Amino acid sequence: LRAAPNPSFGATRIHFGSIAEGPATLE
């Protein structure tokens, strides 16, 4: 997981990588 920009002024993009397939949620 990585967030950019971080810190941010509001919006930030969360980048994720996973080796597993299936449903996913970001909370």
PDB file of all heavy atoms in Angstrom:
ATOM      1  N   LEU A   1       0.844  -1.190   0.000  1.00  0.00           N
ATOM      2  CA  LEU A   1       0.000   0.000   0.000  1.00  0.00           C
ATOM      3  C   LEU A   1       0.874   1.233   0.000  1.00  0.00           C
ATOM      4  O   LEU A   1       1.908   1.266   0.670  1.00  0.00           O
ATOM      5  CB  LEU A   1      -0.896   0.037   1.236  1.00  0.00           C
ATOM      6  CG  LEU A   1      -2.114  -0.900   1.282  1.00  0.00           C
ATOM      7  CD1 LEU A   1      -2.746  -0.846   2.663  1.00  0.00           C
ATOM      8  CD2 LEU A   1      -3.122  -0.513   0.227  1.00  0.00           C
ATOM      9  N   ARG A   2       0.439   2.253  -0.738  1.00  0.00           N
ATOM     10  CA  ARG A   2       1.135   3.527  -0.725  1.00  0.00           C
ATOM     11  C   ARG A   2       0.150   4.626  -1.084  1.00  0.00           C
ATOM     12  O   ARG A   2      -0.720   4.430  -1.934  1.00  0.00           O
ATOM     13  CB  ARG A   2       2.300   3.546  -1.726  1.00  0.00           C
ATOM     14  CG  ARG A   2       3.207   4.764  -1.612  1.00  0.00           C
ATOM     15  CD  ARG A   2       4.368   4.666  -2.592  1.00  0.00           C
ATOM     16  NE  ARG A   2       3.929   4.872  -3.954  1.00  0.00           N
ATOM     17  CZ  ARG A   2       3.793   6.083  -4.514  1.00  0.00           C
ATOM     18  NH1 ARG A   2       4.082   7.170  -3.824  1.00  0.00           N
ATOM     19  NH2 ARG A   2       3.408   6.206  -5.763  1.00  0.00           N
ATOM     20  N   ALA A   3       0.269   5.772  -0.410  1.00  0.00           N
ATOM     21  CA  ALA A   3      -0.587   6.917  -0.695  1.00  0.00           C
ATOM     22  C   ALA A   3       0.265   8.035  -1.274  1.00  0.00           C
ATOM     23  O   ALA A   3       1.372   8.289  -0.807  1.00  0.00           O
ATOM     24  CB  ALA A   3      -1.285   7.406   0.568  1.00  0.00           C
ATOM     25  N   ALA A   4      -0.241   8.695  -2.311  1.00  0.00           N
ATOM     26  CA  ALA A   4       0.482   9.814  -2.911  1.00  0.00           C
ATOM     27  C   ALA A   4      -0.532  10.797  -3.495  1.00  0.00           C
ATOM     28  O   ALA A   4      -1.433  10.388  -4.219  1.00  0.00           O
ATOM     29  CB  ALA A   4       1.435   9.324  -4.003  1.00  0.00           C
ATOM     30  N   PRO A   5      -0.427  12.093  -3.175  1.00  0.00           N
ATOM     31  CA  PRO A   5       0.557  12.654  -2.238  1.00  0.00           C
ATOM     32  C   PRO A   5       0.209  12.336  -0.797  1.00  0.00           C
ATOM     33  O   PRO A   5      -0.950  12.127  -0.470  1.00  0.00           O
ATOM     34  CB  PRO A   5       0.452  14.165  -2.498  1.00  0.00           C
ATOM     35  CG  PRO A   5      -0.947  14.362  -2.967  1.00  0.00           C
ATOM     36  CD  PRO A   5      -1.294  13.136  -3.772  1.00  0.00           C
ATOM     37  N   ASN A   6       1.194  12.296   0.038  1.00  0.00           N
ATOM     38  CA  ASN A   6       1.001  12.016   1.454  1.00  0.00           C
ATOM     39  C   ASN A   6       2.145  12.666   2.229  1.00  0.00           C
ATOM     40  O   ASN A   6       3.277  12.217   2.131  1.00  0.00           O
ATOM     41  CB  ASN A   6       0.993  10.510   1.697  1.00  0.00           C
ATOM     42  CG  ASN A   6       0.599  10.156   3.116  1.00  0.00           C
ATOM     43  OD1 ASN A   6       0.043  10.984   3.822  1.00  0.00           O
ATOM     44  ND2 ASN A   6       0.902   8.932   3.520  1.00  0.00           N
ATOM     45  N   PRO A   7       1.917  13.771   2.944  1.00  0.00           N
ATOM     46  CA  PRO A   7       0.619  14.352   3.271  1.00  0.00           C
ATOM     47  C   PRO A   7      -0.052  15.010   2.068  1.00  0.00           C
ATOM     48  O   PRO A   7       0.595  15.313   1.082  1.00  0.00           O
ATOM     49  CB  PRO A   7       0.964  15.382   4.345  1.00  0.00           C
ATOM     50  CG  PRO A   7       2.373  15.768   4.055  1.00  0.00           C
ATOM     51  CD  PRO A   7       3.045  14.505   3.560  1.00  0.00           C
ATOM     52  N   SER A   8      -1.362  15.224   2.197  1.00  0.00           N
ATOM     53  CA  SER A   8      -2.114  15.837   1.111  1.00  0.00           C
ATOM     54  C   SER A   8      -2.934  16.994   1.658  1.00  0.00           C
ATOM     55  O   SER A   8      -3.064  17.176   2.866  1.00  0.00           O
ATOM     56  CB  SER A   8      -3.040  14.808   0.457  1.00  0.00           C
ATOM     57  OG  SER A   8      -4.181  14.593   1.256  1.00  0.00           O
ATOM     58  N   PHE A   9      -3.491  17.753   0.729  1.00  0.00           N
ATOM     59  CA  PHE A   9      -4.386  18.855   1.111  1.00  0.00           C
ATOM     60  C   PHE A   9      -5.844  18.411   1.043  1.00  0.00           C
ATOM     61  O   PHE A   9      -6.743  19.214   1.189  1.00  0.00           O
ATOM     62  CB  PHE A   9      -4.175  20.048   0.174  1.00  0.00           C
ATOM     63  CG  PHE A   9      -2.752  20.493   0.117  1.00  0.00           C
ATOM     64  CD1 PHE A   9      -2.010  20.355  -1.044  1.00  0.00           C
ATOM     65  CD2 PHE A   9      -2.137  21.020   1.228  1.00  0.00           C
ATOM     66  CE1 PHE A   9      -0.692  20.747  -1.093  1.00  0.00           C
ATOM     67  CE2 PHE A   9      -0.817  21.420   1.175  1.00  0.00           C
ATOM     68  CZ  PHE A   9      -0.097  21.281   0.018  1.00  0.00           C
ATOM     69  N   GLY A  10      -6.096  17.172   0.819  1.00  0.00           N
ATOM     70  CA  GLY A  10      -7.460  16.663   0.701  1.00  0.00           C
ATOM     71  C   GLY A  10      -7.455  15.353  -0.039  1.00  0.00           C
ATOM     72  O   GLY A  10      -7.475  14.285   0.558  1.00  0.00           O
ATOM     73  N   ALA A  11      -7.398  15.420  -1.382  1.00  0.00           N
ATOM     74  CA  ALA A  11      -7.447  14.201  -2.180  1.00  0.00           C
ATOM     75  C   ALA A  11      -6.083  13.514  -2.198  1.00  0.00           C
ATOM     76  O   ALA A  11      -5.041  14.161  -2.255  1.00  0.00           O
ATOM     77  CB  ALA A  11      -7.885  14.520  -3.604  1.00  0.00           C
ATOM     78  N   THR A  12      -6.118  12.198  -2.161  1.00  0.00           N
ATOM     79  CA  THR A  12      -4.888  11.416  -2.278  1.00  0.00           C
ATOM     80  C   THR A  12      -5.235  10.107  -2.979  1.00  0.00           C
ATOM     81  O   THR A  12      -6.361   9.615  -2.880  1.00  0.00           O
ATOM     82  CB  THR A  12      -4.258  11.147  -0.908  1.00  0.00           C
ATOM     83  OG1 THR A  12      -2.968  10.536  -1.084  1.00  0.00           O
ATOM     84  CG2 THR A  12      -5.108  10.236  -0.052  1.00  0.00           C
ATOM     85  N   ARG A  13      -4.287   9.577  -3.718  1.00  0.00           N
ATOM     86  CA  ARG A  13      -4.508   8.311  -4.414  1.00  0.00           C
ATOM     87  C   ARG A  13      -3.840   7.193  -3.624  1.00  0.00           C
ATOM     88  O   ARG A  13      -2.658   7.272  -3.300  1.00  0.00           O
ATOM     89  CB  ARG A  13      -3.957   8.363  -5.842  1.00  0.00           C
ATOM     90  CG  ARG A  13      -4.261   7.108  -6.663  1.00  0.00           C
ATOM     91  CD  ARG A  13      -3.766   7.227  -8.097  1.00  0.00           C
ATOM     92  NE  ARG A  13      -4.552   8.166  -8.870  1.00  0.00           N
ATOM     93  CZ  ARG A  13      -5.672   7.855  -9.508  1.00  0.00           C
ATOM     94  NH1 ARG A  13      -6.132   6.610  -9.464  1.00  0.00           N
ATOM     95  NH2 ARG A  13      -6.314   8.772 -10.210  1.00  0.00           N
ATOM     96  N   ILE A  14      -4.625   6.152  -3.320  1.00  0.00           N
ATOM     97  CA  ILE A  14      -4.111   4.990  -2.601  1.00  0.00           C
ATOM     98  C   ILE A  14      -3.752   3.928  -3.625  1.00  0.00           C
ATOM     99  O   ILE A  14      -4.614   3.420  -4.350  1.00  0.00           O
ATOM    100  CB  ILE A  14      -5.155   4.426  -1.613  1.00  0.00           C
ATOM    101  CG1 ILE A  14      -5.817   5.541  -0.799  1.00  0.00           C
ATOM    102  CG2 ILE A  14      -4.508   3.382  -0.706  1.00  0.00           C
ATOM    103  CD1 ILE A  14      -4.876   6.320   0.068  1.00  0.00           C
ATOM    104  N   HIS A  15      -2.476   3.621  -3.715  1.00  0.00           N
ATOM    105  CA  HIS A  15      -1.993   2.583  -4.622  1.00  0.00           C
ATOM    106  C   HIS A  15      -1.881   1.270  -3.852  1.00  0.00           C
ATOM    107  O   HIS A  15      -1.408   1.248  -2.714  1.00  0.00           O
ATOM    108  CB  HIS A  15      -0.617   2.949  -5.184  1.00  0.00           C
ATOM    109  CG  HIS A  15      -0.603   4.243  -5.927  1.00  0.00           C
ATOM    110  ND1 HIS A  15      -0.887   4.335  -7.264  1.00  0.00           N
ATOM    111  CD2 HIS A  15      -0.328   5.505  -5.512  1.00  0.00           C
ATOM    112  CE1 HIS A  15      -0.791   5.591  -7.655  1.00  0.00           C
ATOM    113  NE2 HIS A  15      -0.461   6.326  -6.615  1.00  0.00           N
ATOM    114  N   PHE A  16      -2.319   0.192  -4.468  1.00  0.00           N
ATOM    115  CA  PHE A  16      -2.262  -1.092  -3.788  1.00  0.00           C
ATOM    116  C   PHE A  16      -1.798  -2.171  -4.742  1.00  0.00           C
ATOM    117  O   PHE A  16      -2.008  -2.112  -5.946  1.00  0.00           O
ATOM    118  CB  PHE A  16      -3.626  -1.464  -3.188  1.00  0.00           C
ATOM    119  CG  PHE A  16      -4.757  -1.436  -4.176  1.00  0.00           C
ATOM    120  CD1 PHE A  16      -5.068  -2.549  -4.951  1.00  0.00           C
ATOM    121  CD2 PHE A  16      -5.511  -0.284  -4.334  1.00  0.00           C
ATOM    122  CE1 PHE A  16      -6.101  -2.515  -5.861  1.00  0.00           C
ATOM    123  CE2 PHE A  16      -6.559  -0.246  -5.247  1.00  0.00           C
ATOM    124  CZ  PHE A  16      -6.854  -1.356  -6.022  1.00  0.00           C
ATOM    125  N   GLY A  17      -1.144  -3.177  -4.173  1.00  0.00           N
ATOM    126  CA  GLY A  17      -0.745  -4.348  -4.918  1.00  0.00           C
ATOM    127  C   GLY A  17      -1.098  -5.571  -4.104  1.00  0.00           C
ATOM    128  O   GLY A  17      -0.938  -5.591  -2.885  1.00  0.00           O
ATOM    129  N   SER A  18      -1.647  -6.580  -4.712  1.00  0.00           N
ATOM    130  CA  SER A  18      -2.042  -7.789  -4.003  1.00  0.00           C
ATOM    131  C   SER A  18      -1.808  -8.985  -4.912  1.00  0.00           C
ATOM    132  O   SER A  18      -2.106  -8.919  -6.098  1.00  0.00           O
ATOM    133  CB  SER A  18      -3.516  -7.722  -3.591  1.00  0.00           C
ATOM    134  OG  SER A  18      -3.955  -8.966  -3.103  1.00  0.00           O
ATOM    135  N   ILE A  19      -1.365 -10.092  -4.339  1.00  0.00           N
ATOM    136  CA  ILE A  19      -1.177 -11.290  -5.151  1.00  0.00           C
ATOM    137  C   ILE A  19      -2.441 -12.128  -5.200  1.00  0.00           C
ATOM    138  O   ILE A  19      -2.519 -13.086  -5.952  1.00  0.00           O
ATOM    139  CB  ILE A  19      -0.006 -12.147  -4.612  1.00  0.00           C
ATOM    140  CG1 ILE A  19      -0.332 -12.660  -3.215  1.00  0.00           C
ATOM    141  CG2 ILE A  19       1.285 -11.375  -4.629  1.00  0.00           C
ATOM    142  CD1 ILE A  19       0.603 -13.753  -2.749  1.00  0.00           C
ATOM    143  N   ALA A  20      -3.456 -11.753  -4.376  1.00  0.00           N
ATOM    144  CA  ALA A  20      -4.668 -12.565  -4.301  1.00  0.00           C
ATOM    145  C   ALA A  20      -5.782 -11.948  -5.137  1.00  0.00           C
ATOM    146  O   ALA A  20      -5.943 -10.738  -5.190  1.00  0.00           O
ATOM    147  CB  ALA A  20      -5.127 -12.696  -2.852  1.00  0.00           C
ATOM    148  N   GLU A  21      -6.580 -12.821  -5.773  1.00  0.00           N
ATOM    149  CA  GLU A  21      -7.746 -12.362  -6.508  1.00  0.00           C
ATOM    150  C   GLU A  21      -8.978 -12.452  -5.622  1.00  0.00           C
ATOM    151  O   GLU A  21      -9.031 -13.240  -4.691  1.00  0.00           O
ATOM    152  CB  GLU A  21      -7.945 -13.200  -7.776  1.00  0.00           C
ATOM    153  CG  GLU A  21      -6.796 -13.079  -8.768  1.00  0.00           C
ATOM    154  CD  GLU A  21      -7.087 -13.816 -10.058  1.00  0.00           C
ATOM    155  OE1 GLU A  21      -8.206 -14.342 -10.189  1.00  0.00           O
ATOM    156  OE2 GLU A  21      -6.194 -13.859 -10.910  1.00  0.00           O
ATOM    157  N   GLY A  22      -9.989 -11.624  -5.931  1.00  0.00           N
ATOM    158  CA  GLY A  22     -11.232 -11.690  -5.169  1.00  0.00           C
ATOM    159  C   GLY A  22     -11.740 -10.315  -4.823  1.00  0.00           C
ATOM    160  O   GLY A  22     -11.148  -9.303  -5.195  1.00  0.00           O
ATOM    161  N   PRO A  23     -12.887 -10.246  -4.109  1.00  0.00           N
ATOM    162  CA  PRO A  23     -13.458  -8.955  -3.730  1.00  0.00           C
ATOM    163  C   PRO A  23     -12.484  -8.158  -2.869  1.00  0.00           C
ATOM    164  O   PRO A  23     -11.733  -8.712  -2.075  1.00  0.00           O
ATOM    165  CB  PRO A  23     -14.708  -9.353  -2.930  1.00  0.00           C
ATOM    166  CG  PRO A  23     -15.006 -10.759  -3.328  1.00  0.00           C
ATOM    167  CD  PRO A  23     -13.683 -11.383  -3.627  1.00  0.00           C
ATOM    168  N   ALA A  24     -12.525  -6.834  -3.020  1.00  0.00           N
ATOM    169  CA  ALA A  24     -11.628  -5.974  -2.247  1.00  0.00           C
ATOM    170  C   ALA A  24     -12.356  -4.682  -1.903  1.00  0.00           C
ATOM    171  O   ALA A  24     -13.143  -4.167  -2.694  1.00  0.00           O
ATOM    172  CB  ALA A  24     -10.360  -5.664  -3.024  1.00  0.00           C
ATOM    173  N   THR A  25     -12.096  -4.172  -0.716  1.00  0.00           N
ATOM    174  CA  THR A  25     -12.635  -2.885  -0.295  1.00  0.00           C
ATOM    175  C   THR A  25     -11.515  -2.061   0.323  1.00  0.00           C
ATOM    176  O   THR A  25     -10.592  -2.599   0.945  1.00  0.00           O
ATOM    177  CB  THR A  25     -13.762  -3.037   0.743  1.00  0.00           C
ATOM    178  OG1 THR A  25     -13.258  -3.748   1.880  1.00  0.00           O
ATOM    179  CG2 THR A  25     -14.963  -3.754   0.157  1.00  0.00           C
ATOM    180  N   LEU A  26     -11.609  -0.761   0.139  1.00  0.00           N
ATOM    181  CA  LEU A  26     -10.660   0.168   0.733  1.00  0.00           C
ATOM    182  C   LEU A  26     -11.451   1.059   1.686  1.00  0.00           C
ATOM    183  O   LEU A  26     -12.339   1.800   1.257  1.00  0.00           O
ATOM    184  CB  LEU A  26      -9.976   1.010  -0.340  1.00  0.00           C
ATOM    185  CG  LEU A  26      -8.885   1.966   0.148  1.00  0.00           C
ATOM    186  CD1 LEU A  26      -7.669   1.192   0.648  1.00  0.00           C
ATOM    187  CD2 LEU A  26      -8.465   2.922  -0.964  1.00  0.00           C
ATOM    188  N   GLU A  27     -11.122   0.990   2.960  1.00  0.00           N
ATOM    189  CA  GLU A  27     -11.865   1.730   3.980  1.00  0.00           C
ATOM    190  C   GLU A  27     -10.966   2.795   4.596  1.00  0.00           C
ATOM    191  O   GLU A  27      -9.806   2.533   4.903  1.00  0.00           O
ATOM    192  CB  GLU A  27     -12.363   0.779   5.068  1.00  0.00           C
ATOM    193  CG  GLU A  27     -13.298   1.441   6.065  1.00  0.00           C
ATOM    194  CD  GLU A  27     -13.852   0.437   7.073  1.00  0.00           C
ATOM    195  OE1 GLU A  27     -13.307  -0.687   7.159  1.00  0.00           O
ATOM    196  OE2 GLU A  27     -14.821   0.780   7.774  1.00  0.00           O
TER     197      GLU A  27
END
